[in-house]
């Protein structure tokens, strides 16, 4: 299988494609029948895919905005993921 294009632009793979490829690499590396040289190449590709996915997630996070209503009307607030382990959630 050809290696995916890891850059930006129209030939770059999507986040979903990168995650699928990364899962296949992990599965293959977990098997015991991968030669050392192949394992090293797969590991390097996996690390590149991991970095690509991280960058794509950061880009999406920066683009997400939540509408909030305040005393001045409706405004925009940068997306901030809610923490599931916050103290406000405990004891309800």
PDB file of N, CA and C in Angstrom:
ATOM      1  N   UNK A   1       0.842  -1.178   0.000  1.00  0.00           N
ATOM      2  CA  UNK A   1       0.000   0.000   0.000  1.00  0.00           C
ATOM      3  C   UNK A   1       0.884   1.236   0.000  1.00  0.00           C
ATOM      4  N   UNK A   2       0.530   2.243  -0.811  1.00  0.00           N
ATOM      5  CA  UNK A   2       1.299   3.469  -0.871  1.00  0.00           C
ATOM      6  C   UNK A   2       1.145   4.252   0.414  1.00  0.00           C
ATOM      7  N   UNK A   3       2.220   4.974   0.766  1.00  0.00           N
ATOM      8  CA  UNK A   3       2.158   5.811   1.950  1.00  0.00           C
ATOM      9  C   UNK A   3       1.283   7.024   1.648  1.00  0.00           C
ATOM     10  N   UNK A   4       0.478   7.475   2.620  1.00  0.00           N
ATOM     11  CA  UNK A   4      -0.370   8.631   2.413  1.00  0.00           C
ATOM     12  C   UNK A   4       0.454   9.908   2.357  1.00  0.00           C
ATOM     13  N   UNK A   5      -0.091  10.935   1.714  1.00  0.00           N
ATOM     14  CA  UNK A   5       0.563  12.230   1.662  1.00  0.00           C
ATOM     15  C   UNK A   5       0.249  12.944   2.964  1.00  0.00           C
ATOM     16  N   UNK A   6       1.290  13.298   3.733  1.00  0.00           N
ATOM     17  CA  UNK A   6       1.095  13.838   5.065  1.00  0.00           C
ATOM     18  C   UNK A   6       1.088  15.356   5.122  1.00  0.00           C
ATOM     19  N   UNK A   7       1.165  16.036   4.010  1.00  0.00           N
ATOM     20  CA  UNK A   7       1.207  17.495   4.030  1.00  0.00           C
ATOM     21  C   UNK A   7      -0.164  18.118   4.052  1.00  0.00           C
ATOM     22  N   UNK A   8      -0.191  19.376   3.710  1.00  0.00           N
ATOM     23  CA  UNK A   8      -1.439  20.113   3.603  1.00  0.00           C
ATOM     24  C   UNK A   8      -1.813  20.187   2.128  1.00  0.00           C
ATOM     25  N   UNK A   9      -2.980  20.656   1.829  1.00  0.00           N
ATOM     26  CA  UNK A   9      -3.402  20.815   0.450  1.00  0.00           C
ATOM     27  C   UNK A   9      -4.345  19.720   0.027  1.00  0.00           C
ATOM     28  N   UNK A  10      -4.649  19.709  -1.260  1.00  0.00           N
ATOM     29  CA  UNK A  10      -5.671  18.787  -1.753  1.00  0.00           C
ATOM     30  C   UNK A  10      -5.247  17.333  -1.747  1.00  0.00           C
ATOM     31  N   UNK A  11      -3.955  17.052  -1.724  1.00  0.00           N
ATOM     32  CA  UNK A  11      -3.475  15.668  -1.710  1.00  0.00           C
ATOM     33  C   UNK A  11      -3.286  15.115  -0.300  1.00  0.00           C
ATOM     34  N   UNK A  12      -3.459  15.959   0.716  1.00  0.00           N
ATOM     35  CA  UNK A  12      -3.276  15.506   2.098  1.00  0.00           C
ATOM     36  C   UNK A  12      -4.440  14.612   2.507  1.00  0.00           C
ATOM     37  N   UNK A  13      -4.148  13.667   3.367  1.00  0.00           N
ATOM     38  CA  UNK A  13      -5.196  12.759   3.830  1.00  0.00           C
ATOM     39  C   UNK A  13      -6.028  13.442   4.910  1.00  0.00           C
ATOM     40  N   UNK A  14      -7.241  12.965   5.085  1.00  0.00           N
ATOM     41  CA  UNK A  14      -8.132  13.513   6.105  1.00  0.00           C
ATOM     42  C   UNK A  14      -7.740  12.959   7.470  1.00  0.00           C
ATOM     43  N   UNK A  15      -8.304  13.568   8.504  1.00  0.00           N
ATOM     44  CA  UNK A  15      -8.073  13.104   9.866  1.00  0.00           C
ATOM     45  C   UNK A  15      -8.501  11.649  10.006  1.00  0.00           C
ATOM     46  N   UNK A  16      -9.681  11.322   9.456  1.00  0.00           N
ATOM     47  CA  UNK A  16     -10.211   9.965   9.561  1.00  0.00           C
ATOM     48  C   UNK A  16      -9.310   8.961   8.855  1.00  0.00           C
ATOM     49  N   UNK A  17      -8.806   9.328   7.671  1.00  0.00           N
ATOM     50  CA  UNK A  17      -7.898   8.440   6.941  1.00  0.00           C
ATOM     51  C   UNK A  17      -6.603   8.235   7.720  1.00  0.00           C
ATOM     52  N   UNK A  18      -6.098   9.318   8.314  1.00  0.00           N
ATOM     53  CA  UNK A  18      -4.863   9.217   9.097  1.00  0.00           C
ATOM     54  C   UNK A  18      -5.062   8.314  10.308  1.00  0.00           C
ATOM     55  N   UNK A  19      -6.207   8.443  10.975  1.00  0.00           N
ATOM     56  CA  UNK A  19      -6.486   7.597  12.145  1.00  0.00           C
ATOM     57  C   UNK A  19      -6.615   6.128  11.739  1.00  0.00           C
ATOM     58  N   UNK A  20      -7.288   5.866  10.630  1.00  0.00           N
ATOM     59  CA  UNK A  20      -7.421   4.481  10.154  1.00  0.00           C
ATOM     60  C   UNK A  20      -6.055   3.884   9.839  1.00  0.00           C
ATOM     61  N   UNK A  21      -5.212   4.653   9.162  1.00  0.00           N
ATOM     62  CA  UNK A  21      -3.868   4.174   8.829  1.00  0.00           C
ATOM     63  C   UNK A  21      -3.062   3.938  10.106  1.00  0.00           C
ATOM     64  N   UNK A  22      -3.189   4.843  11.053  1.00  0.00           N
ATOM     65  CA  UNK A  22      -2.474   4.700  12.318  1.00  0.00           C
ATOM     66  C   UNK A  22      -2.915   3.442  13.058  1.00  0.00           C
ATOM     67  N   UNK A  23      -4.208   3.153  13.047  1.00  0.00           N
ATOM     68  CA  UNK A  23      -4.710   1.928  13.688  1.00  0.00           C
ATOM     69  C   UNK A  23      -4.151   0.682  13.008  1.00  0.00           C
ATOM     70  N   UNK A  24      -4.071   0.700  11.685  1.00  0.00           N
ATOM     71  CA  UNK A  24      -3.507  -0.452  10.960  1.00  0.00           C
ATOM     72  C   UNK A  24      -2.034  -0.637  11.308  1.00  0.00           C
ATOM     73  N   UNK A  25      -1.309   0.482  11.434  1.00  0.00           N
ATOM     74  CA  UNK A  25       0.113   0.408  11.787  1.00  0.00           C
ATOM     75  C   UNK A  25       0.281  -0.186  13.181  1.00  0.00           C
ATOM     76  N   UNK A  26      -0.516   0.275  14.127  1.00  0.00           N
ATOM     77  CA  UNK A  26      -0.424  -0.242  15.505  1.00  0.00           C
ATOM     78  C   UNK A  26      -0.713  -1.736  15.528  1.00  0.00           C
ATOM     79  N   UNK A  27      -1.764  -2.150  14.830  1.00  0.00           N
ATOM     80  CA  UNK A  27      -2.115  -3.574  14.777  1.00  0.00           C
ATOM     81  C   UNK A  27      -0.961  -4.385  14.194  1.00  0.00           C
ATOM     82  N   UNK A  28      -0.371  -3.870  13.146  1.00  0.00           N
ATOM     83  CA  UNK A  28       0.733  -4.597  12.510  1.00  0.00           C
ATOM     84  C   UNK A  28       1.952  -4.658  13.424  1.00  0.00           C
ATOM     85  N   UNK A  29       2.241  -3.554  14.113  1.00  0.00           N
ATOM     86  CA  UNK A  29       3.390  -3.542  15.025  1.00  0.00           C
ATOM     87  C   UNK A  29       3.180  -4.461  16.222  1.00  0.00           C
ATOM     88  N   UNK A  30       1.942  -4.639  16.623  1.00  0.00           N
ATOM     89  CA  UNK A  30       1.657  -5.516  17.755  1.00  0.00           C
ATOM     90  C   UNK A  30       1.824  -6.990  17.398  1.00  0.00           C
ATOM     91  N   UNK A  31       1.784  -7.296  16.117  1.00  0.00           N
ATOM     92  CA  UNK A  31       2.020  -8.684  15.724  1.00  0.00           C
ATOM     93  C   UNK A  31       3.518  -8.969  15.838  1.00  0.00           C
ATOM     94  N   UNK A  32       3.845 -10.182  16.082  1.00  0.00           N
ATOM     95  CA  UNK A  32       5.249 -10.527  16.327  1.00  0.00           C
ATOM     96  C   UNK A  32       6.021 -10.882  15.057  1.00  0.00           C
ATOM     97  N   UNK A  33       5.367 -10.838  13.905  1.00  0.00           N
ATOM     98  CA  UNK A  33       6.041 -11.284  12.685  1.00  0.00           C
ATOM     99  C   UNK A  33       6.511 -10.140  11.789  1.00  0.00           C
ATOM    100  N   UNK A  34       6.747  -8.938  12.353  1.00  0.00           N
ATOM    101  CA  UNK A  34       7.209  -7.796  11.571  1.00  0.00           C
ATOM    102  C   UNK A  34       8.726  -7.711  11.676  1.00  0.00           C
ATOM    103  N   UNK A  35       9.422  -7.724  10.539  1.00  0.00           N
ATOM    104  CA  UNK A  35      10.883  -7.574  10.575  1.00  0.00           C
ATOM    105  C   UNK A  35      11.277  -6.221  11.172  1.00  0.00           C
ATOM    106  N   UNK A  36      12.434  -6.159  11.767  1.00  0.00           N
ATOM    107  CA  UNK A  36      12.893  -4.960  12.469  1.00  0.00           C
ATOM    108  C   UNK A  36      12.873  -3.720  11.578  1.00  0.00           C
ATOM    109  N   UNK A  37      13.419  -3.811  10.388  1.00  0.00           N
ATOM    110  CA  UNK A  37      13.464  -2.653   9.481  1.00  0.00           C
ATOM    111  C   UNK A  37      12.058  -2.168   9.143  1.00  0.00           C
ATOM    112  N   UNK A  38      11.145  -3.096   8.911  1.00  0.00           N
ATOM    113  CA  UNK A  38       9.758  -2.734   8.617  1.00  0.00           C
ATOM    114  C   UNK A  38       9.119  -2.089   9.832  1.00  0.00           C
ATOM    115  N   UNK A  39       9.395  -2.625  11.010  1.00  0.00           N
ATOM    116  CA  UNK A  39       8.840  -2.071  12.247  1.00  0.00           C
ATOM    117  C   UNK A  39       9.303  -0.628  12.452  1.00  0.00           C
ATOM    118  N   UNK A  40      10.562  -0.366  12.157  1.00  0.00           N
ATOM    119  CA  UNK A  40      11.098   0.989  12.302  1.00  0.00           C
ATOM    120  C   UNK A  40      10.407   1.938  11.326  1.00  0.00           C
ATOM    121  N   UNK A  41      10.235   1.508  10.087  1.00  0.00           N
ATOM    122  CA  UNK A  41       9.547   2.338   9.090  1.00  0.00           C
ATOM    123  C   UNK A  41       8.100   2.593   9.496  1.00  0.00           C
ATOM    124  N   UNK A  42       7.417   1.556   9.982  1.00  0.00           N
ATOM    125  CA  UNK A  42       6.035   1.713  10.423  1.00  0.00           C
ATOM    126  C   UNK A  42       5.945   2.660  11.615  1.00  0.00           C
ATOM    127  N   UNK A  43       6.883   2.528  12.536  1.00  0.00           N
ATOM    128  CA  UNK A  43       6.906   3.403  13.709  1.00  0.00           C
ATOM    129  C   UNK A  43       7.085   4.859  13.285  1.00  0.00           C
ATOM    130  N   UNK A  44       8.001   5.113  12.357  1.00  0.00           N
ATOM    131  CA  UNK A  44       8.237   6.477  11.883  1.00  0.00           C
ATOM    132  C   UNK A  44       6.991   7.037  11.197  1.00  0.00           C
ATOM    133  N   UNK A  45       6.348   6.234  10.379  1.00  0.00           N
ATOM    134  CA  UNK A  45       5.127   6.676   9.716  1.00  0.00           C
ATOM    135  C   UNK A  45       4.022   6.937  10.746  1.00  0.00           C
ATOM    136  N   UNK A  46       3.933   6.067  11.737  1.00  0.00           N
ATOM    137  CA  UNK A  46       2.936   6.246  12.788  1.00  0.00           C
ATOM    138  C   UNK A  46       3.145   7.532  13.567  1.00  0.00           C
ATOM    139  N   UNK A  47       4.385   7.854  13.872  1.00  0.00           N
ATOM    140  CA  UNK A  47       4.676   9.102  14.582  1.00  0.00           C
ATOM    141  C   UNK A  47       4.297  10.306  13.734  1.00  0.00           C
ATOM    142  N   UNK A  48       4.572  10.255  12.434  1.00  0.00           N
ATOM    143  CA  UNK A  48       4.194  11.353  11.534  1.00  0.00           C
ATOM    144  C   UNK A  48       2.669  11.496  11.479  1.00  0.00           C
ATOM    145  N   UNK A  49       1.975  10.373  11.415  1.00  0.00           N
ATOM    146  CA  UNK A  49       0.513  10.403  11.397  1.00  0.00           C
ATOM    147  C   UNK A  49      -0.035  10.959  12.711  1.00  0.00           C
ATOM    148  N   UNK A  50       0.578  10.587  13.818  1.00  0.00           N
ATOM    149  CA  UNK A  50       0.156  11.080  15.124  1.00  0.00           C
ATOM    150  C   UNK A  50       0.309  12.597  15.200  1.00  0.00           C
ATOM    151  N   UNK A  51       1.427  13.114  14.725  1.00  0.00           N
ATOM    152  CA  UNK A  51       1.648  14.563  14.712  1.00  0.00           C
ATOM    153  C   UNK A  51       0.634  15.255  13.802  1.00  0.00           C
ATOM    154  N   UNK A  52       0.363  14.652  12.638  1.00  0.00           N
ATOM    155  CA  UNK A  52      -0.613  15.206  11.703  1.00  0.00           C
ATOM    156  C   UNK A  52      -1.996  15.290  12.354  1.00  0.00           C
ATOM    157  N   UNK A  53      -2.410  14.222  13.014  1.00  0.00           N
ATOM    158  CA  UNK A  53      -3.718  14.209  13.685  1.00  0.00           C
ATOM    159  C   UNK A  53      -3.769  15.266  14.782  1.00  0.00           C
ATOM    160  N   UNK A  54      -2.693  15.395  15.531  1.00  0.00           N
ATOM    161  CA  UNK A  54      -2.636  16.411  16.580  1.00  0.00           C
ATOM    162  C   UNK A  54      -2.782  17.812  16.012  1.00  0.00           C
ATOM    163  N   UNK A  55      -2.088  18.097  14.907  1.00  0.00           N
ATOM    164  CA  UNK A  55      -2.194  19.416  14.276  1.00  0.00           C
ATOM    165  C   UNK A  55      -3.608  19.666  13.767  1.00  0.00           C
ATOM    166  N   UNK A  56      -4.209  18.636  13.141  1.00  0.00           N
ATOM    167  CA  UNK A  56      -5.568  18.799  12.630  1.00  0.00           C
ATOM    168  C   UNK A  56      -6.556  19.060  13.763  1.00  0.00           C
ATOM    169  N   UNK A  57      -6.400  18.372  14.884  1.00  0.00           N
ATOM    170  CA  UNK A  57      -7.276  18.608  16.037  1.00  0.00           C
ATOM    171  C   UNK A  57      -7.104  20.025  16.580  1.00  0.00           C
ATOM    172  N   UNK A  58      -5.868  20.501  16.635  1.00  0.00           N
ATOM    173  CA  UNK A  58      -5.623  21.866  17.106  1.00  0.00           C
ATOM    174  C   UNK A  58      -6.266  22.884  16.180  1.00  0.00           C
ATOM    175  N   UNK A  59      -6.189  22.659  14.865  1.00  0.00           N
ATOM    176  CA  UNK A  59      -6.804  23.571  13.909  1.00  0.00           C
ATOM    177  C   UNK A  59      -8.311  23.617  14.092  1.00  0.00           C
ATOM    178  N   UNK A  60      -8.921  22.463  14.269  1.00  0.00           N
ATOM    179  CA  UNK A  60     -10.367  22.403  14.453  1.00  0.00           C
ATOM    180  C   UNK A  60     -10.762  23.083  15.754  1.00  0.00           C
ATOM    181  N   UNK A  61     -10.013  22.829  16.807  1.00  0.00           N
ATOM    182  CA  UNK A  61     -10.323  23.427  18.103  1.00  0.00           C
ATOM    183  C   UNK A  61     -10.293  24.945  18.025  1.00  0.00           C
ATOM    184  N   UNK A  62      -9.318  25.502  17.297  1.00  0.00           N
ATOM    185  CA  UNK A  62      -9.227  26.950  17.154  1.00  0.00           C
ATOM    186  C   UNK A  62     -10.414  27.512  16.380  1.00  0.00           C
ATOM    187  N   UNK A  63     -10.989  26.718  15.479  1.00  0.00           N
ATOM    188  CA  UNK A  63     -12.099  27.193  14.652  1.00  0.00           C
ATOM    189  C   UNK A  63     -13.451  27.106  15.344  1.00  0.00           C
ATOM    190  N   UNK A  64     -13.543  26.239  16.334  1.00  0.00           N
ATOM    191  CA  UNK A  64     -14.834  26.062  17.013  1.00  0.00           C
ATOM    192  C   UNK A  64     -15.072  27.234  17.956  1.00  0.00           C
ATOM    193  N   UNK A  65     -16.212  27.820  17.820  1.00  0.00           N
ATOM    194  CA  UNK A  65     -16.588  28.883  18.751  1.00  0.00           C
ATOM    195  C   UNK A  65     -17.955  28.572  19.326  1.00  0.00           C
ATOM    196  N   UNK A  66     -18.133  28.943  20.566  1.00  0.00           N
ATOM    197  CA  UNK A  66     -19.426  28.757  21.202  1.00  0.00           C
ATOM    198  C   UNK A  66     -20.104  30.115  21.285  1.00  0.00           C
ATOM    199  N   UNK A  67     -21.379  30.147  20.949  1.00  0.00           N
ATOM    200  CA  UNK A  67     -22.146  31.369  21.122  1.00  0.00           C
ATOM    201  C   UNK A  67     -22.569  31.464  22.577  1.00  0.00           C
ATOM    202  N   UNK A  68     -22.346  32.607  23.147  1.00  0.00           N
ATOM    203  CA  UNK A  68     -22.745  32.818  24.528  1.00  0.00           C
ATOM    204  C   UNK A  68     -23.568  34.098  24.609  1.00  0.00           C
ATOM    205  N   UNK A  69     -24.537  34.074  25.467  1.00  0.00           N
ATOM    206  CA  UNK A  69     -25.365  35.255  25.661  1.00  0.00           C
ATOM    207  C   UNK A  69     -24.917  35.961  26.932  1.00  0.00           C
ATOM    208  N   UNK A  70     -24.650  37.248  26.807  1.00  0.00           N
ATOM    209  CA  UNK A  70     -24.308  38.042  27.978  1.00  0.00           C
ATOM    210  C   UNK A  70     -25.205  39.272  28.027  1.00  0.00           C
ATOM    211  N   UNK A  71     -24.937  40.161  28.941  1.00  0.00           N
ATOM    212  CA  UNK A  71     -25.789  41.336  29.080  1.00  0.00           C
ATOM    213  C   UNK A  71     -25.752  42.250  27.863  1.00  0.00           C
ATOM    214  N   UNK A  72     -24.747  42.144  27.030  1.00  0.00           N
ATOM    215  CA  UNK A  72     -24.627  42.969  25.824  1.00  0.00           C
ATOM    216  C   UNK A  72     -25.208  42.289  24.595  1.00  0.00           C
ATOM    217  N   UNK A  73     -25.747  41.105  24.729  1.00  0.00           N
ATOM    218  CA  UNK A  73     -26.297  40.373  23.597  1.00  0.00           C
ATOM    219  C   UNK A  73     -25.547  39.076  23.379  1.00  0.00           C
ATOM    220  N   UNK A  74     -25.559  38.639  22.140  1.00  0.00           N
ATOM    221  CA  UNK A  74     -24.904  37.384  21.790  1.00  0.00           C
ATOM    222  C   UNK A  74     -23.487  37.685  21.338  1.00  0.00           C
ATOM    223  N   UNK A  75     -22.537  36.952  21.880  1.00  0.00           N
ATOM    224  CA  UNK A  75     -21.142  37.130  21.508  1.00  0.00           C
ATOM    225  C   UNK A  75     -20.509  35.801  21.164  1.00  0.00           C
ATOM    226  N   UNK A  76     -19.255  35.833  20.871  1.00  0.00           N
ATOM    227  CA  UNK A  76     -18.513  34.616  20.540  1.00  0.00           C
ATOM    228  C   UNK A  76     -17.493  34.356  21.631  1.00  0.00           C
ATOM    229  N   UNK A  77     -17.352  33.105  21.976  1.00  0.00           N
ATOM    230  CA  UNK A  77     -16.371  32.696  22.969  1.00  0.00           C
ATOM    231  C   UNK A  77     -15.592  31.530  22.391  1.00  0.00           C
ATOM    232  N   UNK A  78     -14.259  31.538  22.478  1.00  0.00           N
ATOM    233  CA  UNK A  78     -13.485  30.407  21.963  1.00  0.00           C
ATOM    234  C   UNK A  78     -13.908  29.110  22.630  1.00  0.00           C
ATOM    235  N   UNK A  79     -13.858  28.040  21.876  1.00  0.00           N
ATOM    236  CA  UNK A  79     -14.224  26.731  22.398  1.00  0.00           C
ATOM    237  C   UNK A  79     -13.248  26.316  23.475  1.00  0.00           C
ATOM    238  N   UNK A  80     -13.781  25.883  24.610  1.00  0.00           N
ATOM    239  CA  UNK A  80     -12.963  25.324  25.684  1.00  0.00           C
ATOM    240  C   UNK A  80     -13.652  24.049  26.136  1.00  0.00           C
ATOM    241  N   UNK A  81     -13.048  22.892  25.907  1.00  0.00           N
ATOM    242  CA  UNK A  81     -13.692  21.633  26.294  1.00  0.00           C
ATOM    243  C   UNK A  81     -13.980  21.597  27.786  1.00  0.00           C
ATOM    244  N   UNK A  82     -15.146  21.100  28.133  1.00  0.00           N
ATOM    245  CA  UNK A  82     -15.529  20.967  29.542  1.00  0.00           C
ATOM    246  C   UNK A  82     -14.730  19.841  30.174  1.00  0.00           C
ATOM    247  N   UNK A  83     -14.346  20.034  31.407  1.00  0.00           N
ATOM    248  CA  UNK A  83     -13.628  18.984  32.129  1.00  0.00           C
ATOM    249  C   UNK A  83     -14.640  18.106  32.828  1.00  0.00           C
ATOM    250  N   UNK A  84     -14.567  16.808  32.561  1.00  0.00           N
ATOM    251  CA  UNK A  84     -15.503  15.870  33.150  1.00  0.00           C
ATOM    252  C   UNK A  84     -15.282  15.671  34.634  1.00  0.00           C
ATOM    253  N   UNK A  85     -14.062  15.919  35.080  1.00  0.00           N
ATOM    254  CA  UNK A  85     -13.732  15.664  36.477  1.00  0.00           C
ATOM    255  C   UNK A  85     -13.803  16.920  37.323  1.00  0.00           C
ATOM    256  N   UNK A  86     -14.556  17.934  36.887  1.00  0.00           N
ATOM    257  CA  UNK A  86     -14.622  19.174  37.657  1.00  0.00           C
ATOM    258  C   UNK A  86     -15.381  18.963  38.961  1.00  0.00           C
ATOM    259  N   UNK A  87     -15.069  19.785  39.935  1.00  0.00           N
ATOM    260  CA  UNK A  87     -15.695  19.664  41.251  1.00  0.00           C
ATOM    261  C   UNK A  87     -17.177  19.979  41.187  1.00  0.00           C
ATOM    262  N   UNK A  88     -17.599  20.825  40.221  1.00  0.00           N
ATOM    263  CA  UNK A  88     -19.002  21.188  40.106  1.00  0.00           C
ATOM    264  C   UNK A  88     -19.864  19.992  39.749  1.00  0.00           C
ATOM    265  N   UNK A  89     -19.299  19.025  39.051  1.00  0.00           N
ATOM    266  CA  UNK A  89     -20.048  17.848  38.642  1.00  0.00           C
ATOM    267  C   UNK A  89     -20.176  16.818  39.759  1.00  0.00           C
ATOM    268  N   UNK A  90     -19.327  16.902  40.745  1.00  0.00           N
ATOM    269  CA  UNK A  90     -19.317  15.894  41.805  1.00  0.00           C
ATOM    270  C   UNK A  90     -20.398  16.198  42.831  1.00  0.00           C
ATOM    271  N   UNK A  91     -21.043  15.195  43.295  1.00  0.00           N
ATOM    272  CA  UNK A  91     -22.017  15.347  44.341  1.00  0.00           C
ATOM    273  C   UNK A  91     -23.404  15.695  43.873  1.00  0.00           C
ATOM    274  N   UNK A  92     -23.652  15.714  42.564  1.00  0.00           N
ATOM    275  CA  UNK A  92     -24.998  16.019  42.066  1.00  0.00           C
ATOM    276  C   UNK A  92     -25.900  14.834  42.146  1.00  0.00           C
TER     277      UNK A  92
END
